[in-house]
Amino acid sequence: MKPNKKIEDVFYYLRDEEGVIKKSRKIKPKNTNRGFKASLLNRILYNPKLDLKEDEIAYALLHEEGHKETDQNSTIYFTIVSMLAFIFALPFVLNGIFGVQIPMMNPDITNMVIFVILILTFTKAYSDRFHEEELKADVYACKRLKKAKRFTRPPEEIMTDLLDRGKEFDGVFGFLFGGVFHPPDEERVKYVRDEIYE
């Protein structure tokens, strides 16, 4: 896939000249609806079709770097809870779809109640955890963007513009905007201002 030179130039500037992205970090274009994404490997993925200003690219890259560098573990948490939910859902799937019953795993009302409670609890807990991690990544990006000599706009202004632009798009800017697990825009901007100007 053909890389986006503008995005990669900003990445290498932040990594090699400013030192605000880990030296071992790589970048790779990927045909995805996500704008930018910190992968489980040591790299940041991006959609090469994105058309952003240089400081907006810098903010998005540093936001993803923040996810990698602030010891976030929502993926592990999500995996564990999903496995628990699957265990409790399995009797209903096997019995309802395939007509198979497993001894000691009957699809009774108790399992159903536990399954529903687990899903509701998971959604709330995971949402709260994701909110916290997004806010941490926002602050991480803003503090490091302030150190980059090439960009002069206040980082919270760049963030606000990105969030406003995100309301006009569907999918491509999903890395930073909206969604069930993202904090409201106003909360994100206020949190960043409180943290970087404390």
N, C-alpha and C. Protein backbone atom coordinates (compact mmCIF):
# COMPACT_ATOMS: atom_id res chain seq x y z
N MET A 1 0.84 -1.19 0.00
CA MET A 1 0.00 0.00 0.00
C MET A 1 0.89 1.26 0.00
N LYS A 2 0.52 2.23 -0.82
CA LYS A 2 1.31 3.45 -0.94
C LYS A 2 1.22 4.28 0.33
N PRO A 3 2.37 4.66 0.91
CA PRO A 3 2.34 5.44 2.15
C PRO A 3 1.94 6.89 1.89
N ASN A 4 1.53 7.57 2.95
CA ASN A 4 1.22 8.98 2.91
C ASN A 4 2.47 9.73 3.38
N LYS A 5 3.16 10.40 2.46
CA LYS A 5 4.44 11.02 2.78
C LYS A 5 4.31 12.07 3.88
N LYS A 6 3.24 12.84 3.85
CA LYS A 6 3.04 13.90 4.84
C LYS A 6 2.95 13.32 6.25
N ILE A 7 2.15 12.26 6.39
CA ILE A 7 1.98 11.63 7.70
C ILE A 7 3.29 11.02 8.18
N GLU A 8 4.00 10.34 7.29
CA GLU A 8 5.24 9.68 7.70
C GLU A 8 6.35 10.69 7.99
N ASP A 9 6.36 11.80 7.27
CA ASP A 9 7.34 12.86 7.56
C ASP A 9 7.15 13.40 8.98
N VAL A 10 5.90 13.61 9.37
CA VAL A 10 5.61 14.10 10.72
C VAL A 10 6.01 13.05 11.76
N PHE A 11 5.72 11.79 11.46
CA PHE A 11 6.08 10.71 12.39
C PHE A 11 7.59 10.69 12.63
N TYR A 12 8.37 10.72 11.55
CA TYR A 12 9.83 10.65 11.70
C TYR A 12 10.40 11.91 12.34
N TYR A 13 9.76 13.04 12.10
CA TYR A 13 10.17 14.27 12.78
C TYR A 13 9.98 14.13 14.29
N LEU A 14 8.80 13.66 14.70
CA LEU A 14 8.52 13.51 16.12
C LEU A 14 9.42 12.45 16.77
N ARG A 15 9.70 11.41 16.02
CA ARG A 15 10.51 10.32 16.58
C ARG A 15 12.00 10.64 16.58
N ASP A 16 12.50 11.09 15.44
CA ASP A 16 13.95 11.21 15.27
C ASP A 16 14.51 12.57 15.67
N GLU A 17 13.72 13.63 15.50
CA GLU A 17 14.23 14.97 15.80
C GLU A 17 13.79 15.46 17.18
N GLU A 18 12.52 15.24 17.50
CA GLU A 18 12.02 15.73 18.78
C GLU A 18 12.13 14.69 19.91
N GLY A 19 12.18 13.42 19.55
CA GLY A 19 12.32 12.38 20.55
C GLY A 19 11.09 12.16 21.41
N VAL A 20 9.92 12.53 20.91
CA VAL A 20 8.69 12.38 21.69
C VAL A 20 7.92 11.11 21.31
N ILE A 21 8.45 10.37 20.35
CA ILE A 21 7.94 9.03 20.03
C ILE A 21 9.10 8.06 20.21
N LYS A 22 8.83 6.93 20.78
CA LYS A 22 9.86 5.93 21.08
C LYS A 22 10.68 5.59 19.84
N LYS A 23 12.00 5.52 20.00
CA LYS A 23 12.90 5.31 18.87
C LYS A 23 12.61 4.02 18.11
N SER A 24 12.17 2.99 18.82
CA SER A 24 11.93 1.70 18.17
C SER A 24 10.56 1.61 17.49
N ARG A 25 9.74 2.65 17.64
CA ARG A 25 8.39 2.62 17.08
C ARG A 25 8.44 2.70 15.55
N LYS A 26 7.59 1.94 14.90
CA LYS A 26 7.46 1.94 13.44
C LYS A 26 6.10 2.51 13.06
N ILE A 27 5.96 2.84 11.78
CA ILE A 27 4.66 3.31 11.28
C ILE A 27 4.34 2.55 10.00
N LYS A 28 3.05 2.26 9.80
CA LYS A 28 2.66 1.46 8.64
C LYS A 28 1.28 1.89 8.15
N PRO A 29 1.15 2.12 6.82
CA PRO A 29 -0.18 2.42 6.28
C PRO A 29 -1.06 1.18 6.27
N LYS A 30 -2.34 1.37 6.50
CA LYS A 30 -3.27 0.24 6.51
C LYS A 30 -4.61 0.71 6.00
N ASN A 31 -5.20 -0.04 5.09
CA ASN A 31 -6.49 0.31 4.51
C ASN A 31 -7.60 -0.01 5.52
N THR A 32 -7.90 0.96 6.35
CA THR A 32 -8.87 0.76 7.42
C THR A 32 -9.70 2.01 7.62
N ASN A 33 -10.87 1.85 8.18
CA ASN A 33 -11.71 3.01 8.49
C ASN A 33 -11.20 3.77 9.71
N ARG A 34 -10.34 3.12 10.48
CA ARG A 34 -9.74 3.81 11.62
C ARG A 34 -8.74 4.83 11.10
N GLY A 35 -8.65 5.98 11.73
CA GLY A 35 -7.69 6.99 11.32
C GLY A 35 -6.27 6.59 11.68
N PHE A 36 -6.02 6.50 13.00
CA PHE A 36 -4.74 6.05 13.52
C PHE A 36 -5.02 5.00 14.59
N LYS A 37 -4.10 4.05 14.71
CA LYS A 37 -4.31 2.99 15.70
C LYS A 37 -2.96 2.48 16.20
N ALA A 38 -2.85 2.41 17.52
CA ALA A 38 -1.66 1.79 18.12
C ALA A 38 -1.87 0.29 18.12
N SER A 39 -1.08 -0.43 17.33
CA SER A 39 -1.27 -1.87 17.22
C SER A 39 -0.63 -2.57 18.41
N LEU A 40 -0.93 -3.87 18.56
CA LEU A 40 -0.34 -4.65 19.63
C LEU A 40 1.16 -4.82 19.41
N LEU A 41 1.59 -4.72 18.17
CA LEU A 41 3.02 -4.76 17.86
C LEU A 41 3.60 -3.36 18.10
N ASN A 42 4.87 -3.22 17.87
CA ASN A 42 5.56 -1.96 18.16
C ASN A 42 5.42 -0.97 17.01
N ARG A 43 4.19 -0.65 16.66
CA ARG A 43 4.00 0.26 15.53
C ARG A 43 2.65 0.98 15.63
N ILE A 44 2.55 2.04 14.85
CA ILE A 44 1.32 2.81 14.74
C ILE A 44 0.80 2.64 13.31
N LEU A 45 -0.45 2.25 13.19
CA LEU A 45 -1.08 2.08 11.88
C LEU A 45 -1.85 3.35 11.54
N TYR A 46 -1.95 3.66 10.25
CA TYR A 46 -2.71 4.84 9.85
C TYR A 46 -3.36 4.62 8.49
N ASN A 47 -4.43 5.35 8.26
CA ASN A 47 -5.11 5.31 6.98
C ASN A 47 -4.44 6.32 6.05
N PRO A 48 -3.83 5.89 4.96
CA PRO A 48 -3.08 6.81 4.08
C PRO A 48 -3.97 7.80 3.33
N LYS A 49 -5.29 7.61 3.39
CA LYS A 49 -6.20 8.53 2.70
C LYS A 49 -6.51 9.77 3.53
N LEU A 50 -6.05 9.80 4.76
CA LEU A 50 -6.32 10.95 5.62
C LEU A 50 -5.71 12.22 5.07
N ASP A 51 -6.45 13.31 5.18
CA ASP A 51 -5.96 14.62 4.75
C ASP A 51 -6.07 15.57 5.95
N LEU A 52 -4.98 15.68 6.69
CA LEU A 52 -4.97 16.49 7.90
C LEU A 52 -3.83 17.50 7.85
N LYS A 53 -3.94 18.55 8.67
CA LYS A 53 -2.83 19.50 8.82
C LYS A 53 -1.70 18.80 9.58
N GLU A 54 -0.50 19.34 9.43
CA GLU A 54 0.65 18.70 10.06
C GLU A 54 0.51 18.63 11.58
N ASP A 55 0.01 19.70 12.21
CA ASP A 55 -0.11 19.65 13.67
C ASP A 55 -1.21 18.69 14.11
N GLU A 56 -2.23 18.50 13.27
CA GLU A 56 -3.28 17.52 13.58
C GLU A 56 -2.73 16.09 13.47
N ILE A 57 -1.89 15.86 12.47
CA ILE A 57 -1.23 14.56 12.34
C ILE A 57 -0.36 14.31 13.57
N ALA A 58 0.39 15.32 13.97
CA ALA A 58 1.26 15.18 15.13
C ALA A 58 0.46 14.83 16.38
N TYR A 59 -0.66 15.51 16.55
CA TYR A 59 -1.49 15.23 17.74
C TYR A 59 -2.01 13.79 17.71
N ALA A 60 -2.51 13.37 16.55
CA ALA A 60 -3.06 12.01 16.43
C ALA A 60 -1.99 10.95 16.67
N LEU A 61 -0.79 11.16 16.13
CA LEU A 61 0.30 10.22 16.35
C LEU A 61 0.69 10.14 17.82
N LEU A 62 0.77 11.30 18.47
CA LEU A 62 1.15 11.33 19.87
C LEU A 62 0.05 10.76 20.77
N HIS A 63 -1.19 10.91 20.34
CA HIS A 63 -2.30 10.30 21.07
C HIS A 63 -2.15 8.78 21.07
N GLU A 64 -1.84 8.21 19.91
CA GLU A 64 -1.64 6.76 19.83
C GLU A 64 -0.38 6.33 20.57
N GLU A 65 0.65 7.16 20.52
CA GLU A 65 1.86 6.87 21.29
C GLU A 65 1.53 6.84 22.78
N GLY A 66 0.62 7.73 23.18
CA GLY A 66 0.18 7.75 24.57
C GLY A 66 -0.47 6.45 25.00
N HIS A 67 -1.25 5.85 24.10
CA HIS A 67 -1.85 4.55 24.41
C HIS A 67 -0.78 3.49 24.63
N LYS A 68 0.32 3.58 23.88
CA LYS A 68 1.39 2.59 24.02
C LYS A 68 2.24 2.82 25.26
N GLU A 69 2.41 4.07 25.65
CA GLU A 69 3.40 4.40 26.67
C GLU A 69 2.82 4.63 28.07
N THR A 70 1.52 4.57 28.24
CA THR A 70 0.94 4.82 29.57
C THR A 70 0.41 3.55 30.22
N ASP A 71 1.00 2.42 29.85
CA ASP A 71 0.68 1.12 30.47
C ASP A 71 -0.82 0.83 30.47
N GLN A 72 -1.43 1.01 29.34
CA GLN A 72 -2.87 0.75 29.24
C GLN A 72 -3.12 -0.72 28.97
N ASN A 73 -4.13 -1.27 29.62
CA ASN A 73 -4.38 -2.71 29.53
C ASN A 73 -5.83 -3.04 29.23
N SER A 74 -6.55 -2.15 28.55
CA SER A 74 -7.95 -2.40 28.28
C SER A 74 -8.15 -3.61 27.36
N THR A 75 -7.16 -3.89 26.49
CA THR A 75 -7.28 -5.05 25.60
C THR A 75 -7.28 -6.35 26.40
N ILE A 76 -6.38 -6.45 27.38
CA ILE A 76 -6.33 -7.64 28.23
C ILE A 76 -7.61 -7.76 29.04
N TYR A 77 -8.04 -6.64 29.59
CA TYR A 77 -9.27 -6.61 30.38
C TYR A 77 -10.46 -7.06 29.54
N PHE A 78 -10.53 -6.53 28.32
CA PHE A 78 -11.62 -6.89 27.41
C PHE A 78 -11.60 -8.39 27.11
N THR A 79 -10.42 -8.95 26.87
CA THR A 79 -10.30 -10.37 26.55
C THR A 79 -10.78 -11.25 27.69
N ILE A 80 -10.37 -10.92 28.91
CA ILE A 80 -10.75 -11.73 30.07
C ILE A 80 -12.25 -11.73 30.29
N VAL A 81 -12.85 -10.53 30.26
CA VAL A 81 -14.29 -10.44 30.50
C VAL A 81 -15.08 -11.07 29.36
N SER A 82 -14.59 -10.95 28.14
CA SER A 82 -15.27 -11.57 27.00
C SER A 82 -15.27 -13.09 27.14
N MET A 83 -14.17 -13.64 27.63
CA MET A 83 -14.09 -15.09 27.83
C MET A 83 -15.09 -15.54 28.90
N LEU A 84 -15.21 -14.76 29.97
CA LEU A 84 -16.18 -15.10 31.01
C LEU A 84 -17.60 -15.03 30.46
N ALA A 85 -17.88 -13.99 29.69
CA ALA A 85 -19.21 -13.86 29.09
C ALA A 85 -19.50 -15.03 28.16
N PHE A 86 -18.49 -15.45 27.40
CA PHE A 86 -18.67 -16.57 26.48
C PHE A 86 -19.00 -17.86 27.24
N ILE A 87 -18.32 -18.07 28.36
CA ILE A 87 -18.57 -19.29 29.15
C ILE A 87 -20.01 -19.36 29.61
N PHE A 88 -20.54 -18.22 30.08
CA PHE A 88 -21.92 -18.21 30.56
C PHE A 88 -22.92 -18.23 29.40
N ALA A 89 -22.51 -17.73 28.23
CA ALA A 89 -23.42 -17.72 27.08
C ALA A 89 -23.44 -19.04 26.35
N LEU A 90 -22.36 -19.84 26.50
CA LEU A 90 -22.22 -21.08 25.73
C LEU A 90 -23.42 -22.02 25.84
N PRO A 91 -23.96 -22.27 27.04
CA PRO A 91 -25.12 -23.18 27.13
C PRO A 91 -26.30 -22.73 26.29
N PHE A 92 -26.55 -21.40 26.24
CA PHE A 92 -27.68 -20.88 25.47
C PHE A 92 -27.44 -21.04 23.97
N VAL A 93 -26.19 -20.81 23.55
CA VAL A 93 -25.86 -20.95 22.13
C VAL A 93 -25.98 -22.41 21.69
N LEU A 94 -25.39 -23.31 22.46
CA LEU A 94 -25.41 -24.73 22.10
C LEU A 94 -26.82 -25.30 22.11
N ASN A 95 -27.60 -24.94 23.13
CA ASN A 95 -28.95 -25.48 23.25
C ASN A 95 -29.91 -24.82 22.28
N GLY A 96 -29.83 -23.50 22.17
CA GLY A 96 -30.79 -22.77 21.34
C GLY A 96 -30.56 -22.94 19.85
N ILE A 97 -29.30 -23.03 19.43
CA ILE A 97 -29.00 -23.10 18.00
C ILE A 97 -28.77 -24.54 17.53
N PHE A 98 -28.02 -25.28 18.34
CA PHE A 98 -27.63 -26.63 17.90
C PHE A 98 -28.39 -27.75 18.63
N GLY A 99 -29.16 -27.39 19.63
CA GLY A 99 -29.91 -28.40 20.37
C GLY A 99 -29.05 -29.33 21.20
N VAL A 100 -27.85 -28.86 21.55
CA VAL A 100 -26.91 -29.67 22.33
C VAL A 100 -26.94 -29.23 23.78
N GLN A 101 -26.97 -30.20 24.68
CA GLN A 101 -26.93 -29.89 26.10
C GLN A 101 -25.67 -30.49 26.71
N ILE A 102 -25.01 -29.69 27.55
CA ILE A 102 -23.81 -30.15 28.24
C ILE A 102 -24.15 -30.37 29.71
N PRO A 103 -23.87 -31.55 30.27
CA PRO A 103 -24.13 -31.79 31.69
C PRO A 103 -23.46 -30.73 32.56
N MET A 104 -24.13 -30.28 33.56
CA MET A 104 -23.65 -29.27 34.50
C MET A 104 -23.59 -27.87 33.88
N MET A 105 -24.04 -27.71 32.62
CA MET A 105 -24.06 -26.40 31.99
C MET A 105 -25.41 -26.17 31.32
N ASN A 106 -26.47 -26.47 32.04
CA ASN A 106 -27.80 -26.29 31.49
C ASN A 106 -28.14 -24.81 31.35
N PRO A 107 -28.85 -24.46 30.29
CA PRO A 107 -29.23 -23.06 30.07
C PRO A 107 -30.41 -22.66 30.96
N ASP A 108 -30.18 -22.64 32.26
CA ASP A 108 -31.28 -22.32 33.17
C ASP A 108 -31.33 -20.81 33.44
N ILE A 109 -32.32 -20.41 34.22
CA ILE A 109 -32.55 -18.99 34.48
C ILE A 109 -31.38 -18.37 35.24
N THR A 110 -30.71 -19.17 36.09
CA THR A 110 -29.57 -18.64 36.86
C THR A 110 -28.44 -18.22 35.93
N ASN A 111 -28.10 -19.09 34.99
CA ASN A 111 -27.06 -18.74 34.02
C ASN A 111 -27.45 -17.52 33.20
N MET A 112 -28.72 -17.43 32.85
CA MET A 112 -29.18 -16.29 32.05
C MET A 112 -29.02 -14.99 32.83
N VAL A 113 -29.41 -15.01 34.10
CA VAL A 113 -29.29 -13.81 34.93
C VAL A 113 -27.82 -13.42 35.09
N ILE A 114 -26.97 -14.42 35.37
CA ILE A 114 -25.54 -14.15 35.52
C ILE A 114 -24.96 -13.57 34.23
N PHE A 115 -25.37 -14.13 33.10
CA PHE A 115 -24.89 -13.66 31.81
C PHE A 115 -25.27 -12.19 31.57
N VAL A 116 -26.53 -11.86 31.82
CA VAL A 116 -27.00 -10.48 31.61
C VAL A 116 -26.29 -9.51 32.54
N ILE A 117 -26.17 -9.90 33.82
CA ILE A 117 -25.49 -9.04 34.79
C ILE A 117 -24.03 -8.84 34.39
N LEU A 118 -23.39 -9.90 33.94
CA LEU A 118 -21.99 -9.82 33.54
C LEU A 118 -21.81 -8.88 32.36
N ILE A 119 -22.68 -8.97 31.39
CA ILE A 119 -22.58 -8.10 30.22
C ILE A 119 -22.78 -6.64 30.59
N LEU A 120 -23.79 -6.36 31.43
CA LEU A 120 -24.06 -4.98 31.85
C LEU A 120 -22.91 -4.42 32.67
N THR A 121 -22.40 -5.25 33.58
CA THR A 121 -21.29 -4.82 34.42
C THR A 121 -20.04 -4.57 33.58
N PHE A 122 -19.79 -5.48 32.65
CA PHE A 122 -18.64 -5.34 31.76
C PHE A 122 -18.72 -4.05 30.94
N THR A 123 -19.88 -3.78 30.37
CA THR A 123 -20.04 -2.60 29.52
C THR A 123 -19.74 -1.32 30.30
N LYS A 124 -20.28 -1.23 31.51
CA LYS A 124 -20.04 -0.04 32.34
C LYS A 124 -18.58 0.06 32.76
N ALA A 125 -18.02 -1.05 33.25
CA ALA A 125 -16.64 -1.03 33.74
C ALA A 125 -15.65 -0.76 32.61
N TYR A 126 -15.89 -1.41 31.47
CA TYR A 126 -14.97 -1.24 30.34
C TYR A 126 -15.09 0.17 29.78
N SER A 127 -16.29 0.71 29.75
CA SER A 127 -16.49 2.07 29.28
C SER A 127 -15.73 3.06 30.16
N ASP A 128 -15.84 2.89 31.49
CA ASP A 128 -15.13 3.77 32.41
C ASP A 128 -13.62 3.66 32.22
N ARG A 129 -13.13 2.43 32.07
CA ARG A 129 -11.69 2.22 31.89
C ARG A 129 -11.22 2.85 30.58
N PHE A 130 -12.01 2.67 29.53
CA PHE A 130 -11.64 3.23 28.23
C PHE A 130 -11.63 4.76 28.29
N HIS A 131 -12.62 5.34 28.97
CA HIS A 131 -12.65 6.80 29.14
C HIS A 131 -11.35 7.28 29.79
N GLU A 132 -10.95 6.61 30.84
CA GLU A 132 -9.74 7.00 31.56
C GLU A 132 -8.51 6.90 30.67
N GLU A 133 -8.44 5.85 29.88
CA GLU A 133 -7.28 5.67 29.01
C GLU A 133 -7.25 6.69 27.88
N GLU A 134 -8.41 7.05 27.36
CA GLU A 134 -8.46 8.08 26.33
C GLU A 134 -8.00 9.43 26.88
N LEU A 135 -8.42 9.75 28.10
CA LEU A 135 -8.02 11.01 28.71
C LEU A 135 -6.51 11.04 28.95
N LYS A 136 -5.95 9.93 29.39
CA LYS A 136 -4.51 9.85 29.60
C LYS A 136 -3.75 10.04 28.28
N ALA A 137 -4.26 9.44 27.21
CA ALA A 137 -3.61 9.58 25.90
C ALA A 137 -3.71 11.01 25.39
N ASP A 138 -4.83 11.67 25.67
CA ASP A 138 -5.00 13.08 25.28
C ASP A 138 -3.95 13.95 25.97
N VAL A 139 -3.80 13.77 27.27
CA VAL A 139 -2.83 14.56 28.04
C VAL A 139 -1.41 14.26 27.58
N TYR A 140 -1.12 13.00 27.36
CA TYR A 140 0.20 12.59 26.88
C TYR A 140 0.52 13.33 25.58
N ALA A 141 -0.44 13.34 24.65
CA ALA A 141 -0.23 13.99 23.36
C ALA A 141 -0.02 15.49 23.52
N CYS A 142 -0.84 16.13 24.32
CA CYS A 142 -0.75 17.59 24.47
C CYS A 142 0.56 18.02 25.10
N LYS A 143 1.00 17.33 26.14
CA LYS A 143 2.24 17.71 26.82
C LYS A 143 3.44 17.59 25.91
N ARG A 144 3.46 16.58 25.08
CA ARG A 144 4.60 16.38 24.18
C ARG A 144 4.52 17.27 22.94
N LEU A 145 3.32 17.58 22.52
CA LEU A 145 3.16 18.47 21.37
C LEU A 145 3.64 19.88 21.72
N LYS A 146 3.49 20.26 22.96
CA LYS A 146 3.96 21.59 23.40
C LYS A 146 5.48 21.70 23.27
N LYS A 147 6.19 20.57 23.33
CA LYS A 147 7.65 20.58 23.25
C LYS A 147 8.16 20.62 21.82
N ALA A 148 7.30 20.29 20.86
CA ALA A 148 7.73 20.22 19.46
C ALA A 148 7.82 21.62 18.86
N LYS A 149 9.00 22.00 18.43
CA LYS A 149 9.24 23.37 17.95
C LYS A 149 8.52 23.67 16.65
N ARG A 150 8.22 22.65 15.88
CA ARG A 150 7.65 22.85 14.55
C ARG A 150 6.18 23.30 14.57
N PHE A 151 5.51 23.06 15.70
CA PHE A 151 4.08 23.37 15.78
C PHE A 151 3.83 24.45 16.83
N THR A 152 3.08 25.46 16.44
CA THR A 152 2.91 26.63 17.31
C THR A 152 1.51 26.76 17.90
N ARG A 153 0.54 26.12 17.29
CA ARG A 153 -0.81 26.24 17.84
C ARG A 153 -0.90 25.55 19.20
N PRO A 154 -1.69 26.10 20.14
CA PRO A 154 -1.88 25.41 21.42
C PRO A 154 -2.45 24.01 21.19
N PRO A 155 -1.92 23.00 21.87
CA PRO A 155 -2.36 21.62 21.62
C PRO A 155 -3.84 21.39 21.86
N GLU A 156 -4.41 22.07 22.87
CA GLU A 156 -5.84 21.87 23.12
C GLU A 156 -6.70 22.45 22.00
N GLU A 157 -6.15 23.47 21.29
CA GLU A 157 -6.86 24.03 20.13
C GLU A 157 -6.84 23.03 18.97
N ILE A 158 -5.70 22.39 18.76
CA ILE A 158 -5.60 21.35 17.73
C ILE A 158 -6.57 20.21 18.03
N MET A 159 -6.59 19.79 19.28
CA MET A 159 -7.49 18.72 19.70
C MET A 159 -8.95 19.09 19.47
N THR A 160 -9.32 20.32 19.83
CA THR A 160 -10.69 20.78 19.64
C THR A 160 -11.08 20.77 18.17
N ASP A 161 -10.18 21.23 17.31
CA ASP A 161 -10.46 21.23 15.87
C ASP A 161 -10.66 19.81 15.34
N LEU A 162 -9.83 18.88 15.80
CA LEU A 162 -9.98 17.49 15.38
C LEU A 162 -11.32 16.91 15.82
N LEU A 163 -11.69 17.19 17.04
CA LEU A 163 -12.96 16.69 17.56
C LEU A 163 -14.14 17.28 16.79
N ASP A 164 -14.04 18.58 16.47
CA ASP A 164 -15.11 19.23 15.69
C ASP A 164 -15.20 18.64 14.29
N ARG A 165 -14.05 18.40 13.67
CA ARG A 165 -14.04 17.82 12.33
C ARG A 165 -14.60 16.41 12.34
N GLY A 166 -14.33 15.71 13.42
CA GLY A 166 -14.77 14.32 13.51
C GLY A 166 -16.27 14.17 13.45
N LYS A 167 -17.00 15.18 13.86
CA LYS A 167 -18.46 15.11 13.82
C LYS A 167 -18.99 15.10 12.39
N GLU A 168 -18.15 15.52 11.45
CA GLU A 168 -18.58 15.59 10.05
C GLU A 168 -18.32 14.29 9.30
N PHE A 169 -17.58 13.37 9.93
CA PHE A 169 -17.16 12.17 9.23
C PHE A 169 -17.65 10.93 9.94
N ASP A 170 -17.65 9.83 9.21
CA ASP A 170 -18.05 8.55 9.79
C ASP A 170 -16.95 7.53 9.53
N GLY A 171 -16.37 7.00 10.58
CA GLY A 171 -15.41 5.93 10.42
C GLY A 171 -13.97 6.39 10.36
N VAL A 172 -13.60 7.16 9.34
CA VAL A 172 -12.20 7.50 9.12
C VAL A 172 -11.57 8.16 10.34
N PHE A 173 -12.34 9.00 11.03
CA PHE A 173 -11.79 9.70 12.17
C PHE A 173 -12.16 9.03 13.49
N GLY A 174 -12.49 7.75 13.40
CA GLY A 174 -12.91 7.01 14.59
C GLY A 174 -11.82 6.84 15.62
N PHE A 175 -10.57 7.12 15.23
CA PHE A 175 -9.47 6.97 16.18
C PHE A 175 -9.62 7.93 17.35
N LEU A 176 -10.32 9.03 17.16
CA LEU A 176 -10.31 10.06 18.19
C LEU A 176 -11.70 10.51 18.59
N PHE A 177 -12.70 10.16 17.79
CA PHE A 177 -14.00 10.79 17.97
C PHE A 177 -15.11 9.81 18.29
N GLY A 178 -16.01 10.25 19.15
CA GLY A 178 -17.27 9.55 19.37
C GLY A 178 -17.12 8.14 19.87
N GLY A 179 -18.19 7.37 19.71
CA GLY A 179 -18.18 5.99 20.11
C GLY A 179 -18.64 5.81 21.54
N VAL A 180 -19.12 4.62 21.84
CA VAL A 180 -19.64 4.32 23.16
C VAL A 180 -18.58 4.49 24.23
N PHE A 181 -17.34 4.16 23.92
CA PHE A 181 -16.30 4.12 24.95
C PHE A 181 -15.44 5.37 25.01
N HIS A 182 -15.78 6.41 24.26
CA HIS A 182 -15.01 7.64 24.31
C HIS A 182 -15.72 8.67 25.18
N PRO A 183 -14.96 9.43 25.97
CA PRO A 183 -15.57 10.48 26.78
C PRO A 183 -16.18 11.56 25.89
N PRO A 184 -17.13 12.32 26.42
CA PRO A 184 -17.69 13.45 25.65
C PRO A 184 -16.58 14.45 25.30
N ASP A 185 -16.71 15.09 24.14
CA ASP A 185 -15.69 16.03 23.69
C ASP A 185 -15.37 17.10 24.73
N GLU A 186 -16.41 17.67 25.34
CA GLU A 186 -16.22 18.75 26.31
C GLU A 186 -15.39 18.27 27.50
N GLU A 187 -15.64 17.05 27.94
CA GLU A 187 -14.89 16.49 29.06
C GLU A 187 -13.42 16.32 28.70
N ARG A 188 -13.15 15.88 27.48
CA ARG A 188 -11.77 15.66 27.04
C ARG A 188 -11.00 16.97 26.99
N VAL A 189 -11.61 18.00 26.41
CA VAL A 189 -10.92 19.29 26.30
C VAL A 189 -10.68 19.90 27.68
N LYS A 190 -11.68 19.86 28.54
CA LYS A 190 -11.54 20.41 29.89
C LYS A 190 -10.46 19.67 30.68
N TYR A 191 -10.46 18.35 30.56
CA TYR A 191 -9.48 17.54 31.29
C TYR A 191 -8.06 17.89 30.86
N VAL A 192 -7.87 18.04 29.56
CA VAL A 192 -6.55 18.38 29.03
C VAL A 192 -6.11 19.75 29.53
N ARG A 193 -7.00 20.74 29.46
CA ARG A 193 -6.64 22.09 29.91
C ARG A 193 -6.27 22.09 31.39
N ASP A 194 -7.04 21.37 32.19
CA ASP A 194 -6.76 21.30 33.62
C ASP A 194 -5.41 20.66 33.90
N GLU A 195 -5.06 19.64 33.10
CA GLU A 195 -3.84 18.88 33.35
C GLU A 195 -2.58 19.60 32.86
N ILE A 196 -2.65 20.22 31.69
CA ILE A 196 -1.42 20.80 31.13
C ILE A 196 -1.17 22.22 31.63
N TYR A 197 -2.18 22.86 32.24
CA TYR A 197 -1.98 24.20 32.76
C TYR A 197 -2.14 24.28 34.27
N GLU A 198 -2.00 23.13 34.93
CA GLU A 198 -2.17 23.11 36.39
C GLU A 198 -0.98 23.80 37.07
